[in-house]
């Protein structure tokens, strides 16, 4: 009798797995469409020299990859919690591509401050 139930259980498990993967694919596509991606051209850096707000030294331009995105919370609201998710990430801070797009950033090595431009992602 157990052998008669096994094929139906496998079929149901397969259907559930395919449905879950489909939902995940739709979610990834939806999040990807929210991002503005531009090609890496030298003009992106034109007139983008920043001074460190703490020490006044020139900040070093570069790139930052944010993983699951930058999750921002206003200081008055408190820190983002353990259940923060990519749906709460700032616009243009998530790239789920195999070769991910990145954000332009500037860093002061001495003060360890980082300035991130999340107006766009750069491919």
PDB file of N, CA and C in Angstrom:
ATOM      1  N   UNK A   1       0.812  -1.192   0.000  1.00  0.00           N
ATOM      2  CA  UNK A   1       0.000   0.000   0.000  1.00  0.00           C
ATOM      3  C   UNK A   1       0.863   1.267   0.000  1.00  0.00           C
ATOM      4  N   UNK A   2       1.971   1.206   0.717  1.00  0.00           N
ATOM      5  CA  UNK A   2       2.869   2.359   0.774  1.00  0.00           C
ATOM      6  C   UNK A   2       3.442   2.662  -0.601  1.00  0.00           C
ATOM      7  N   UNK A   3       3.733   1.615  -1.365  1.00  0.00           N
ATOM      8  CA  UNK A   3       4.267   1.815  -2.708  1.00  0.00           C
ATOM      9  C   UNK A   3       3.268   2.511  -3.624  1.00  0.00           C
ATOM     10  N   UNK A   4       1.968   2.328  -3.381  1.00  0.00           N
ATOM     11  CA  UNK A   4       0.943   2.982  -4.198  1.00  0.00           C
ATOM     12  C   UNK A   4       0.895   4.485  -3.915  1.00  0.00           C
ATOM     13  N   UNK A   5       1.203   4.898  -2.706  1.00  0.00           N
ATOM     14  CA  UNK A   5       1.162   6.316  -2.334  1.00  0.00           C
ATOM     15  C   UNK A   5       2.414   7.068  -2.758  1.00  0.00           C
ATOM     16  N   UNK A   6       3.526   6.375  -2.884  1.00  0.00           N
ATOM     17  CA  UNK A   6       4.805   7.005  -3.168  1.00  0.00           C
ATOM     18  C   UNK A   6       4.820   7.799  -4.477  1.00  0.00           C
ATOM     19  N   UNK A   7       4.366   7.268  -5.614  1.00  0.00           N
ATOM     20  CA  UNK A   7       4.393   8.068  -6.846  1.00  0.00           C
ATOM     21  C   UNK A   7       3.552   9.352  -6.742  1.00  0.00           C
ATOM     22  N   UNK A   8       2.408   9.296  -6.106  1.00  0.00           N
ATOM     23  CA  UNK A   8       1.579  10.487  -5.935  1.00  0.00           C
ATOM     24  C   UNK A   8       2.252  11.520  -5.048  1.00  0.00           C
ATOM     25  N   UNK A   9       2.936  11.068  -4.002  1.00  0.00           N
ATOM     26  CA  UNK A   9       3.655  11.972  -3.100  1.00  0.00           C
ATOM     27  C   UNK A   9       4.812  12.646  -3.823  1.00  0.00           C
ATOM     28  N   UNK A  10       5.522  11.864  -4.641  1.00  0.00           N
ATOM     29  CA  UNK A  10       6.629  12.445  -5.410  1.00  0.00           C
ATOM     30  C   UNK A  10       6.118  13.485  -6.397  1.00  0.00           C
ATOM     31  N   UNK A  11       5.014  13.186  -7.032  1.00  0.00           N
ATOM     32  CA  UNK A  11       4.423  14.125  -7.983  1.00  0.00           C
ATOM     33  C   UNK A  11       4.009  15.409  -7.274  1.00  0.00           C
ATOM     34  N   UNK A  12       3.351  15.289  -6.142  1.00  0.00           N
ATOM     35  CA  UNK A  12       2.937  16.463  -5.373  1.00  0.00           C
ATOM     36  C   UNK A  12       4.148  17.267  -4.920  1.00  0.00           C
ATOM     37  N   UNK A  13       5.186  16.596  -4.453  1.00  0.00           N
ATOM     38  CA  UNK A  13       6.415  17.276  -4.035  1.00  0.00           C
ATOM     39  C   UNK A  13       7.060  18.013  -5.192  1.00  0.00           C
ATOM     40  N   UNK A  14       7.072  17.395  -6.366  1.00  0.00           N
ATOM     41  CA  UNK A  14       7.628  18.048  -7.554  1.00  0.00           C
ATOM     42  C   UNK A  14       6.850  19.281  -7.951  1.00  0.00           C
ATOM     43  N   UNK A  15       5.524  19.191  -7.896  1.00  0.00           N
ATOM     44  CA  UNK A  15       4.667  20.336  -8.235  1.00  0.00           C
ATOM     45  C   UNK A  15       4.905  21.488  -7.261  1.00  0.00           C
ATOM     46  N   UNK A  16       5.019  21.160  -5.981  1.00  0.00           N
ATOM     47  CA  UNK A  16       5.265  22.192  -4.965  1.00  0.00           C
ATOM     48  C   UNK A  16       6.628  22.843  -5.192  1.00  0.00           C
ATOM     49  N   UNK A  17       7.638  22.043  -5.501  1.00  0.00           N
ATOM     50  CA  UNK A  17       8.985  22.572  -5.744  1.00  0.00           C
ATOM     51  C   UNK A  17       8.995  23.491  -6.965  1.00  0.00           C
ATOM     52  N   UNK A  18       8.326  23.090  -8.034  1.00  0.00           N
ATOM     53  CA  UNK A  18       8.261  23.920  -9.245  1.00  0.00           C
ATOM     54  C   UNK A  18       7.515  25.214  -8.968  1.00  0.00           C
ATOM     55  N   UNK A  19       6.442  25.151  -8.200  1.00  0.00           N
ATOM     56  CA  UNK A  19       5.690  26.360  -7.854  1.00  0.00           C
ATOM     57  C   UNK A  19       6.556  27.309  -7.021  1.00  0.00           C
ATOM     58  N   UNK A  20       7.312  26.772  -6.058  1.00  0.00           N
ATOM     59  CA  UNK A  20       8.174  27.607  -5.224  1.00  0.00           C
ATOM     60  C   UNK A  20       9.270  28.265  -6.056  1.00  0.00           C
ATOM     61  N   UNK A  21       9.870  27.514  -6.971  1.00  0.00           N
ATOM     62  CA  UNK A  21      10.898  28.087  -7.841  1.00  0.00           C
ATOM     63  C   UNK A  21      10.315  29.150  -8.766  1.00  0.00           C
ATOM     64  N   UNK A  22       9.107  28.943  -9.232  1.00  0.00           N
ATOM     65  CA  UNK A  22       8.454  29.930 -10.092  1.00  0.00           C
ATOM     66  C   UNK A  22       8.210  31.232  -9.341  1.00  0.00           C
ATOM     67  N   UNK A  23       7.743  31.126  -8.110  1.00  0.00           N
ATOM     68  CA  UNK A  23       7.519  32.323  -7.288  1.00  0.00           C
ATOM     69  C   UNK A  23       8.840  33.044  -7.045  1.00  0.00           C
ATOM     70  N   UNK A  24       9.888  32.303  -6.767  1.00  0.00           N
ATOM     71  CA  UNK A  24      11.207  32.898  -6.551  1.00  0.00           C
ATOM     72  C   UNK A  24      11.706  33.605  -7.805  1.00  0.00           C
ATOM     73  N   UNK A  25      11.522  32.997  -8.966  1.00  0.00           N
ATOM     74  CA  UNK A  25      11.936  33.610 -10.227  1.00  0.00           C
ATOM     75  C   UNK A  25      11.184  34.912 -10.485  1.00  0.00           C
ATOM     76  N   UNK A  26       9.894  34.924 -10.242  1.00  0.00           N
ATOM     77  CA  UNK A  26       9.090  36.137 -10.412  1.00  0.00           C
ATOM     78  C   UNK A  26       9.580  37.232  -9.461  1.00  0.00           C
ATOM     79  N   UNK A  27       9.872  36.880  -8.235  1.00  0.00           N
ATOM     80  CA  UNK A  27      10.371  37.840  -7.251  1.00  0.00           C
ATOM     81  C   UNK A  27      11.711  38.429  -7.686  1.00  0.00           C
ATOM     82  N   UNK A  28      12.632  37.585  -8.141  1.00  0.00           N
ATOM     83  CA  UNK A  28      13.940  38.055  -8.593  1.00  0.00           C
ATOM     84  C   UNK A  28      13.794  38.978  -9.801  1.00  0.00           C
ATOM     85  N   UNK A  29      12.938  38.634 -10.738  1.00  0.00           N
ATOM     86  CA  UNK A  29      12.709  39.488 -11.918  1.00  0.00           C
ATOM     87  C   UNK A  29      12.106  40.821 -11.519  1.00  0.00           C
ATOM     88  N   UNK A  30      11.152  40.815 -10.618  1.00  0.00           N
ATOM     89  CA  UNK A  30      10.508  42.048 -10.172  1.00  0.00           C
ATOM     90  C   UNK A  30      11.515  42.971  -9.482  1.00  0.00           C
ATOM     91  N   UNK A  31      12.346  42.414  -8.628  1.00  0.00           N
ATOM     92  CA  UNK A  31      13.369  43.210  -7.941  1.00  0.00           C
ATOM     93  C   UNK A  31      14.385  43.743  -8.949  1.00  0.00           C
ATOM     94  N   UNK A  32      14.757  42.927  -9.918  1.00  0.00           N
ATOM     95  CA  UNK A  32      15.707  43.353 -10.942  1.00  0.00           C
ATOM     96  C   UNK A  32      15.196  44.497 -11.793  1.00  0.00           C
ATOM     97  N   UNK A  33      13.903  44.535 -12.053  1.00  0.00           N
ATOM     98  CA  UNK A  33      13.326  45.613 -12.870  1.00  0.00           C
ATOM     99  C   UNK A  33      13.289  46.948 -12.138  1.00  0.00           C
ATOM    100  N   UNK A  34      13.367  46.915 -10.803  1.00  0.00           N
ATOM    101  CA  UNK A  34      13.340  48.151 -10.035  1.00  0.00           C
ATOM    102  C   UNK A  34      14.665  48.900 -10.119  1.00  0.00           C
ATOM    103  N   UNK A  35      15.701  48.239 -10.605  1.00  0.00           N
ATOM    104  CA  UNK A  35      17.034  48.839 -10.654  1.00  0.00           C
ATOM    105  C   UNK A  35      17.302  49.496 -11.991  1.00  0.00           C
ATOM    106  N   UNK A  36      17.994  50.617 -11.920  1.00  0.00           N
ATOM    107  CA  UNK A  36      18.430  51.334 -13.124  1.00  0.00           C
ATOM    108  C   UNK A  36      19.891  50.988 -13.342  1.00  0.00           C
ATOM    109  N   UNK A  37      20.207  50.344 -14.472  1.00  0.00           N
ATOM    110  CA  UNK A  37      21.569  49.926 -14.767  1.00  0.00           C
ATOM    111  C   UNK A  37      22.096  50.695 -15.956  1.00  0.00           C
ATOM    112  N   UNK A  38      23.323  51.177 -15.838  1.00  0.00           N
ATOM    113  CA  UNK A  38      23.968  51.930 -16.906  1.00  0.00           C
ATOM    114  C   UNK A  38      25.331  51.311 -17.191  1.00  0.00           C
ATOM    115  N   UNK A  39      25.855  51.516 -18.410  1.00  0.00           N
ATOM    116  CA  UNK A  39      27.187  50.979 -18.721  1.00  0.00           C
ATOM    117  C   UNK A  39      28.285  51.788 -18.029  1.00  0.00           C
ATOM    118  N   UNK A  40      29.416  51.144 -17.840  1.00  0.00           N
ATOM    119  CA  UNK A  40      30.577  51.782 -17.221  1.00  0.00           C
ATOM    120  C   UNK A  40      31.292  52.639 -18.262  1.00  0.00           C
ATOM    121  N   UNK A  41      31.112  53.948 -18.164  1.00  0.00           N
ATOM    122  CA  UNK A  41      31.776  54.891 -19.062  1.00  0.00           C
ATOM    123  C   UNK A  41      32.504  55.937 -18.216  1.00  0.00           C
ATOM    124  N   UNK A  42      33.617  56.487 -18.729  1.00  0.00           N
ATOM    125  CA  UNK A  42      34.392  57.462 -17.949  1.00  0.00           C
ATOM    126  C   UNK A  42      33.596  58.689 -17.512  1.00  0.00           C
ATOM    127  N   UNK A  43      32.583  59.075 -18.273  1.00  0.00           N
ATOM    128  CA  UNK A  43      31.817  60.283 -17.934  1.00  0.00           C
ATOM    129  C   UNK A  43      31.046  60.141 -16.613  1.00  0.00           C
ATOM    130  N   UNK A  44      30.848  58.915 -16.136  1.00  0.00           N
ATOM    131  CA  UNK A  44      30.177  58.728 -14.846  1.00  0.00           C
ATOM    132  C   UNK A  44      30.940  59.410 -13.716  1.00  0.00           C
ATOM    133  N   UNK A  45      32.245  59.511 -13.859  1.00  0.00           N
ATOM    134  CA  UNK A  45      33.089  60.037 -12.790  1.00  0.00           C
ATOM    135  C   UNK A  45      33.374  61.535 -12.937  1.00  0.00           C
ATOM    136  N   UNK A  46      32.910  62.144 -14.035  1.00  0.00           N
ATOM    137  CA  UNK A  46      33.179  63.563 -14.286  1.00  0.00           C
ATOM    138  C   UNK A  46      32.587  64.440 -13.178  1.00  0.00           C
ATOM    139  N   UNK A  47      33.402  65.322 -12.625  1.00  0.00           N
ATOM    140  CA  UNK A  47      33.004  66.267 -11.571  1.00  0.00           C
ATOM    141  C   UNK A  47      32.420  65.546 -10.354  1.00  0.00           C
ATOM    142  N   UNK A  48      32.985  64.424 -10.022  1.00  0.00           N
ATOM    143  CA  UNK A  48      32.505  63.647  -8.880  1.00  0.00           C
ATOM    144  C   UNK A  48      33.638  63.452  -7.876  1.00  0.00           C
ATOM    145  N   UNK A  49      34.342  64.522  -7.555  1.00  0.00           N
ATOM    146  CA  UNK A  49      35.403  64.476  -6.562  1.00  0.00           C
ATOM    147  C   UNK A  49      34.819  64.950  -5.237  1.00  0.00           C
ATOM    148  N   UNK A  50      34.923  64.138  -4.214  1.00  0.00           N
ATOM    149  CA  UNK A  50      34.328  64.463  -2.918  1.00  0.00           C
ATOM    150  C   UNK A  50      35.397  64.538  -1.846  1.00  0.00           C
ATOM    151  N   UNK A  51      35.165  65.435  -0.903  1.00  0.00           N
ATOM    152  CA  UNK A  51      36.043  65.558   0.258  1.00  0.00           C
ATOM    153  C   UNK A  51      35.383  64.832   1.433  1.00  0.00           C
ATOM    154  N   UNK A  52      36.197  64.199   2.243  1.00  0.00           N
ATOM    155  CA  UNK A  52      35.695  63.503   3.427  1.00  0.00           C
ATOM    156  C   UNK A  52      35.043  64.516   4.365  1.00  0.00           C
ATOM    157  N   UNK A  53      33.828  64.252   4.809  1.00  0.00           N
ATOM    158  CA  UNK A  53      33.163  65.201   5.700  1.00  0.00           C
ATOM    159  C   UNK A  53      33.812  65.283   7.089  1.00  0.00           C
ATOM    160  N   UNK A  54      34.634  64.299   7.416  1.00  0.00           N
ATOM    161  CA  UNK A  54      35.259  64.291   8.741  1.00  0.00           C
ATOM    162  C   UNK A  54      36.629  64.985   8.752  1.00  0.00           C
ATOM    163  N   UNK A  55      37.499  64.623   7.773  1.00  0.00           N
ATOM    164  CA  UNK A  55      38.863  65.175   7.785  1.00  0.00           C
ATOM    165  C   UNK A  55      39.134  66.142   6.642  1.00  0.00           C
ATOM    166  N   UNK A  56      38.280  66.181   5.627  1.00  0.00           N
ATOM    167  CA  UNK A  56      38.447  67.098   4.502  1.00  0.00           C
ATOM    168  C   UNK A  56      39.350  66.581   3.399  1.00  0.00           C
ATOM    169  N   UNK A  57      39.960  65.409   3.551  1.00  0.00           N
ATOM    170  CA  UNK A  57      40.829  64.845   2.520  1.00  0.00           C
ATOM    171  C   UNK A  57      39.998  64.357   1.327  1.00  0.00           C
ATOM    172  N   UNK A  58      40.659  64.266   0.165  1.00  0.00           N
ATOM    173  CA  UNK A  58      39.981  63.762  -1.034  1.00  0.00           C
ATOM    174  C   UNK A  58      39.611  62.297  -0.822  1.00  0.00           C
ATOM    175  N   UNK A  59      38.385  61.953  -1.180  1.00  0.00           N
ATOM    176  CA  UNK A  59      37.940  60.566  -1.064  1.00  0.00           C
ATOM    177  C   UNK A  59      38.341  59.800  -2.318  1.00  0.00           C
ATOM    178  N   UNK A  60      38.699  58.550  -2.146  1.00  0.00           N
ATOM    179  CA  UNK A  60      39.135  57.689  -3.238  1.00  0.00           C
ATOM    180  C   UNK A  60      37.918  57.098  -3.946  1.00  0.00           C
ATOM    181  N   UNK A  61      37.802  57.286  -5.293  1.00  0.00           N
ATOM    182  CA  UNK A  61      36.670  56.696  -6.013  1.00  0.00           C
ATOM    183  C   UNK A  61      36.867  55.199  -6.216  1.00  0.00           C
ATOM    184  N   UNK A  62      35.747  54.471  -6.240  1.00  0.00           N
ATOM    185  CA  UNK A  62      35.811  53.031  -6.463  1.00  0.00           C
ATOM    186  C   UNK A  62      34.426  52.439  -6.593  1.00  0.00           C
ATOM    187  N   UNK A  63      34.313  51.180  -6.273  1.00  0.00           N
ATOM    188  CA  UNK A  63      33.064  50.441  -6.436  1.00  0.00           C
ATOM    189  C   UNK A  63      32.702  49.751  -5.132  1.00  0.00           C
ATOM    190  N   UNK A  64      31.405  49.528  -4.940  1.00  0.00           N
ATOM    191  CA  UNK A  64      30.954  48.754  -3.790  1.00  0.00           C
ATOM    192  C   UNK A  64      29.878  47.775  -4.262  1.00  0.00           C
ATOM    193  N   UNK A  65      29.978  46.540  -3.796  1.00  0.00           N
ATOM    194  CA  UNK A  65      28.981  45.507  -4.063  1.00  0.00           C
ATOM    195  C   UNK A  65      28.264  45.268  -2.742  1.00  0.00           C
ATOM    196  N   UNK A  66      26.950  45.456  -2.735  1.00  0.00           N
ATOM    197  CA  UNK A  66      26.214  45.460  -1.480  1.00  0.00           C
ATOM    198  C   UNK A  66      25.518  44.154  -1.112  1.00  0.00           C
ATOM    199  N   UNK A  67      25.722  43.113  -1.850  1.00  0.00           N
ATOM    200  CA  UNK A  67      25.121  41.830  -1.481  1.00  0.00           C
ATOM    201  C   UNK A  67      23.609  41.865  -1.546  1.00  0.00           C
ATOM    202  N   UNK A  68      22.951  41.791  -0.400  1.00  0.00           N
ATOM    203  CA  UNK A  68      21.484  41.788  -0.410  1.00  0.00           C
ATOM    204  C   UNK A  68      20.905  43.193  -0.464  1.00  0.00           C
ATOM    205  N   UNK A  69      21.731  44.180  -0.783  1.00  0.00           N
ATOM    206  CA  UNK A  69      21.262  45.551  -0.928  1.00  0.00           C
ATOM    207  C   UNK A  69      21.532  46.362   0.326  1.00  0.00           C
ATOM    208  N   UNK A  70      21.382  47.653   0.189  1.00  0.00           N
ATOM    209  CA  UNK A  70      21.558  48.552   1.332  1.00  0.00           C
ATOM    210  C   UNK A  70      20.203  48.752   1.995  1.00  0.00           C
ATOM    211  N   UNK A  71      20.099  48.330   3.217  1.00  0.00           N
ATOM    212  CA  UNK A  71      18.844  48.473   3.951  1.00  0.00           C
ATOM    213  C   UNK A  71      19.003  49.661   4.889  1.00  0.00           C
ATOM    214  N   UNK A  72      18.240  50.679   4.644  1.00  0.00           N
ATOM    215  CA  UNK A  72      18.332  51.942   5.383  1.00  0.00           C
ATOM    216  C   UNK A  72      17.190  52.046   6.370  1.00  0.00           C
ATOM    217  N   UNK A  73      17.515  52.567   7.540  1.00  0.00           N
ATOM    218  CA  UNK A  73      16.493  52.865   8.529  1.00  0.00           C
ATOM    219  C   UNK A  73      16.827  54.207   9.150  1.00  0.00           C
ATOM    220  N   UNK A  74      15.868  55.094   9.195  1.00  0.00           N
ATOM    221  CA  UNK A  74      16.067  56.391   9.822  1.00  0.00           C
ATOM    222  C   UNK A  74      16.453  56.181  11.281  1.00  0.00           C
ATOM    223  N   UNK A  75      17.337  57.016  11.786  1.00  0.00           N
ATOM    224  CA  UNK A  75      17.820  56.847  13.155  1.00  0.00           C
ATOM    225  C   UNK A  75      16.676  56.831  14.165  1.00  0.00           C
ATOM    226  N   UNK A  76      15.653  57.648  13.929  1.00  0.00           N
ATOM    227  CA  UNK A  76      14.517  57.705  14.850  1.00  0.00           C
ATOM    228  C   UNK A  76      13.721  56.397  14.868  1.00  0.00           C
ATOM    229  N   UNK A  77      13.712  55.663  13.761  1.00  0.00           N
ATOM    230  CA  UNK A  77      12.997  54.380  13.687  1.00  0.00           C
ATOM    231  C   UNK A  77      13.761  53.254  14.335  1.00  0.00           C
ATOM    232  N   UNK A  78      15.058  53.402  14.453  1.00  0.00           N
ATOM    233  CA  UNK A  78      15.881  52.340  15.023  1.00  0.00           C
ATOM    234  C   UNK A  78      16.593  51.538  13.948  1.00  0.00           C
ATOM    235  N   UNK A  79      17.427  50.637  14.384  1.00  0.00           N
ATOM    236  CA  UNK A  79      18.230  49.817  13.480  1.00  0.00           C
ATOM    237  C   UNK A  79      17.362  48.805  12.740  1.00  0.00           C
ATOM    238  N   UNK A  80      17.756  48.471  11.509  1.00  0.00           N
ATOM    239  CA  UNK A  80      17.042  47.385  10.823  1.00  0.00           C
ATOM    240  C   UNK A  80      17.202  46.100  11.621  1.00  0.00           C
ATOM    241  N   UNK A  81      16.166  45.303  11.645  1.00  0.00           N
ATOM    242  CA  UNK A  81      16.185  44.088  12.447  1.00  0.00           C
ATOM    243  C   UNK A  81      16.679  42.868  11.703  1.00  0.00           C
ATOM    244  N   UNK A  82      16.667  41.757  12.391  1.00  0.00           N
ATOM    245  CA  UNK A  82      17.127  40.488  11.830  1.00  0.00           C
ATOM    246  C   UNK A  82      16.250  40.024  10.665  1.00  0.00           C
ATOM    247  N   UNK A  83      15.024  40.522  10.590  1.00  0.00           N
ATOM    248  CA  UNK A  83      14.117  40.090   9.533  1.00  0.00           C
ATOM    249  C   UNK A  83      14.053  41.065   8.366  1.00  0.00           C
ATOM    250  N   UNK A  84      15.008  42.007   8.302  1.00  0.00           N
ATOM    251  CA  UNK A  84      15.089  42.906   7.149  1.00  0.00           C
ATOM    252  C   UNK A  84      15.353  42.052   5.913  1.00  0.00           C
ATOM    253  N   UNK A  85      14.731  42.420   4.805  1.00  0.00           N
ATOM    254  CA  UNK A  85      14.883  41.605   3.597  1.00  0.00           C
ATOM    255  C   UNK A  85      15.154  42.478   2.386  1.00  0.00           C
ATOM    256  N   UNK A  86      15.468  41.851   1.273  1.00  0.00           N
ATOM    257  CA  UNK A  86      15.837  42.600   0.072  1.00  0.00           C
ATOM    258  C   UNK A  86      14.703  43.460  -0.459  1.00  0.00           C
ATOM    259  N   UNK A  87      13.478  43.170  -0.092  1.00  0.00           N
ATOM    260  CA  UNK A  87      12.355  44.016  -0.500  1.00  0.00           C
ATOM    261  C   UNK A  87      12.402  45.383   0.155  1.00  0.00           C
ATOM    262  N   UNK A  88      13.173  45.536   1.225  1.00  0.00           N
ATOM    263  CA  UNK A  88      13.301  46.804   1.929  1.00  0.00           C
ATOM    264  C   UNK A  88      14.553  47.572   1.524  1.00  0.00           C
ATOM    265  N   UNK A  89      15.344  47.022   0.634  1.00  0.00           N
ATOM    266  CA  UNK A  89      16.608  47.650   0.241  1.00  0.00           C
ATOM    267  C   UNK A  89      16.361  48.942  -0.526  1.00  0.00           C
ATOM    268  N   UNK A  90      17.317  49.850  -0.412  1.00  0.00           N
ATOM    269  CA  UNK A  90      17.242  51.104  -1.160  1.00  0.00           C
ATOM    270  C   UNK A  90      17.263  50.806  -2.652  1.00  0.00           C
ATOM    271  N   UNK A  91      16.632  51.668  -3.445  1.00  0.00           N
ATOM    272  CA  UNK A  91      16.635  51.463  -4.903  1.00  0.00           C
ATOM    273  C   UNK A  91      18.063  51.393  -5.446  1.00  0.00           C
ATOM    274  N   UNK A  92      18.247  50.587  -6.463  1.00  0.00           N
ATOM    275  CA  UNK A  92      19.517  50.477  -7.175  1.00  0.00           C
ATOM    276  C   UNK A  92      20.667  50.009  -6.291  1.00  0.00           C
ATOM    277  N   UNK A  93      20.387  49.134  -5.339  1.00  0.00           N
ATOM    278  CA  UNK A  93      21.464  48.579  -4.512  1.00  0.00           C
ATOM    279  C   UNK A  93      21.510  47.058  -4.568  1.00  0.00           C
ATOM    280  N   UNK A  94      20.661  46.453  -5.381  1.00  0.00           N
ATOM    281  CA  UNK A  94      20.647  44.992  -5.507  1.00  0.00           C
ATOM    282  C   UNK A  94      20.849  44.612  -6.962  1.00  0.00           C
ATOM    283  N   UNK A  95      21.789  43.719  -7.202  1.00  0.00           N
ATOM    284  CA  UNK A  95      21.967  43.146  -8.527  1.00  0.00           C
ATOM    285  C   UNK A  95      22.070  41.643  -8.355  1.00  0.00           C
ATOM    286  N   UNK A  96      21.074  40.933  -8.843  1.00  0.00           N
ATOM    287  CA  UNK A  96      21.023  39.490  -8.679  1.00  0.00           C
ATOM    288  C   UNK A  96      21.539  38.754  -9.912  1.00  0.00           C
ATOM    289  N   UNK A  97      22.275  39.451 -10.780  1.00  0.00           N
ATOM    290  CA  UNK A  97      22.829  38.837 -11.979  1.00  0.00           C
ATOM    291  C   UNK A  97      24.052  37.996 -11.626  1.00  0.00           C
ATOM    292  N   UNK A  98      24.408  37.074 -12.512  1.00  0.00           N
ATOM    293  CA  UNK A  98      25.586  36.256 -12.310  1.00  0.00           C
ATOM    294  C   UNK A  98      26.839  37.133 -12.238  1.00  0.00           C
ATOM    295  N   UNK A  99      26.907  38.142 -13.102  1.00  0.00           N
ATOM    296  CA  UNK A  99      27.955  39.167 -13.027  1.00  0.00           C
ATOM    297  C   UNK A  99      27.272  40.427 -12.508  1.00  0.00           C
ATOM    298  N   UNK A 100      27.260  40.618 -11.200  1.00  0.00           N
ATOM    299  CA  UNK A 100      26.450  41.691 -10.620  1.00  0.00           C
ATOM    300  C   UNK A 100      26.916  43.087 -11.001  1.00  0.00           C
ATOM    301  N   UNK A 101      25.950  43.983 -11.120  1.00  0.00           N
ATOM    302  CA  UNK A 101      26.245  45.400 -11.294  1.00  0.00           C
ATOM    303  C   UNK A 101      26.615  45.954  -9.922  1.00  0.00           C
ATOM    304  N   UNK A 102      27.329  47.058  -9.904  1.00  0.00           N
ATOM    305  CA  UNK A 102      27.834  47.611  -8.646  1.00  0.00           C
ATOM    306  C   UNK A 102      27.474  49.087  -8.531  1.00  0.00           C
ATOM    307  N   UNK A 103      27.651  49.624  -7.345  1.00  0.00           N
ATOM    308  CA  UNK A 103      27.415  51.043  -7.114  1.00  0.00           C
ATOM    309  C   UNK A 103      28.740  51.789  -7.100  1.00  0.00           C
ATOM    310  N   UNK A 104      28.692  53.022  -7.593  1.00  0.00           N
ATOM    311  CA  UNK A 104      29.850  53.902  -7.486  1.00  0.00           C
ATOM    312  C   UNK A 104      29.981  54.299  -6.020  1.00  0.00           C
ATOM    313  N   UNK A 105      31.214  54.435  -5.557  1.00  0.00           N
ATOM    314  CA  UNK A 105      31.430  54.777  -4.156  1.00  0.00           C
ATOM    315  C   UNK A 105      32.729  55.546  -4.002  1.00  0.00           C
ATOM    316  N   UNK A 106      32.828  56.261  -2.897  1.00  0.00           N
ATOM    317  CA  UNK A 106      34.025  57.007  -2.545  1.00  0.00           C
ATOM    318  C   UNK A 106      34.353  56.676  -1.106  1.00  0.00           C
ATOM    319  N   UNK A 107      35.662  56.538  -0.835  1.00  0.00           N
ATOM    320  CA  UNK A 107      36.078  56.067   0.478  1.00  0.00           C
ATOM    321  C   UNK A 107      37.205  56.928   1.018  1.00  0.00           C
ATOM    322  N   UNK A 108      37.128  57.217   2.298  1.00  0.00           N
ATOM    323  CA  UNK A 108      38.241  57.840   3.012  1.00  0.00           C
ATOM    324  C   UNK A 108      38.860  56.737   3.852  1.00  0.00           C
ATOM    325  N   UNK A 109      40.054  56.310   3.449  1.00  0.00           N
ATOM    326  CA  UNK A 109      40.719  55.203   4.147  1.00  0.00           C
ATOM    327  C   UNK A 109      41.086  55.586   5.576  1.00  0.00           C
ATOM    328  N   UNK A 110      41.473  56.838   5.780  1.00  0.00           N
ATOM    329  CA  UNK A 110      41.882  57.271   7.110  1.00  0.00           C
ATOM    330  C   UNK A 110      40.736  57.285   8.112  1.00  0.00           C
ATOM    331  N   UNK A 111      39.604  57.807   7.695  1.00  0.00           N
ATOM    332  CA  UNK A 111      38.444  57.915   8.599  1.00  0.00           C
ATOM    333  C   UNK A 111      37.525  56.709   8.517  1.00  0.00           C
ATOM    334  N   UNK A 112      37.737  55.876   7.498  1.00  0.00           N
ATOM    335  CA  UNK A 112      36.894  54.698   7.251  1.00  0.00           C
ATOM    336  C   UNK A 112      35.434  55.078   7.007  1.00  0.00           C
ATOM    337  N   UNK A 113      35.260  56.131   6.224  1.00  0.00           N
ATOM    338  CA  UNK A 113      33.912  56.544   5.812  1.00  0.00           C
ATOM    339  C   UNK A 113      33.700  56.146   4.365  1.00  0.00           C
ATOM    340  N   UNK A 114      32.475  55.806   4.031  1.00  0.00           N
ATOM    341  CA  UNK A 114      32.125  55.369   2.687  1.00  0.00           C
ATOM    342  C   UNK A 114      30.914  56.161   2.215  1.00  0.00           C
ATOM    343  N   UNK A 115      31.017  56.726   1.008  1.00  0.00           N
ATOM    344  CA  UNK A 115      29.926  57.465   0.374  1.00  0.00           C
ATOM    345  C   UNK A 115      29.458  56.622  -0.815  1.00  0.00           C
ATOM    346  N   UNK A 116      28.174  56.279  -0.858  1.00  0.00           N
ATOM    347  CA  UNK A 116      27.645  55.402  -1.904  1.00  0.00           C
ATOM    348  C   UNK A 116      26.615  56.147  -2.744  1.00  0.00           C
ATOM    349  N   UNK A 117      26.774  56.065  -4.057  1.00  0.00           N
ATOM    350  CA  UNK A 117      25.801  56.625  -4.994  1.00  0.00           C
ATOM    351  C   UNK A 117      24.848  55.498  -5.389  1.00  0.00           C
ATOM    352  N   UNK A 118      23.589  55.594  -4.947  1.00  0.00           N
ATOM    353  CA  UNK A 118      22.638  54.547  -5.339  1.00  0.00           C
ATOM    354  C   UNK A 118      21.571  55.084  -6.285  1.00  0.00           C
ATOM    355  N   UNK A 119      21.988  56.078  -7.097  1.00  0.00           N
ATOM    356  CA  UNK A 119      21.106  56.575  -8.154  1.00  0.00           C
ATOM    357  C   UNK A 119      20.998  55.557  -9.286  1.00  0.00           C
ATOM    358  N   UNK A 120      22.036  54.738  -9.443  1.00  0.00           N
ATOM    359  CA  UNK A 120      22.088  53.765 -10.536  1.00  0.00           C
ATOM    360  C   UNK A 120      23.060  52.656 -10.168  1.00  0.00           C
ATOM    361  N   UNK A 121      22.932  51.552 -10.837  1.00  0.00           N
ATOM    362  CA  UNK A 121      23.913  50.463 -10.768  1.00  0.00           C
ATOM    363  C   UNK A 121      24.732  50.518 -12.045  1.00  0.00           C
ATOM    364  N   UNK A 122      26.012  50.179 -11.966  1.00  0.00           N
ATOM    365  CA  UNK A 122      26.898  50.212 -13.123  1.00  0.00           C
ATOM    366  C   UNK A 122      27.263  48.789 -13.487  1.00  0.00           C
ATOM    367  N   UNK A 123      27.063  48.472 -14.789  1.00  0.00           N
ATOM    368  CA  UNK A 123      27.393  47.125 -15.288  1.00  0.00           C
ATOM    369  C   UNK A 123      28.835  47.053 -15.684  1.00  0.00           C
TER     370      UNK A 123
END
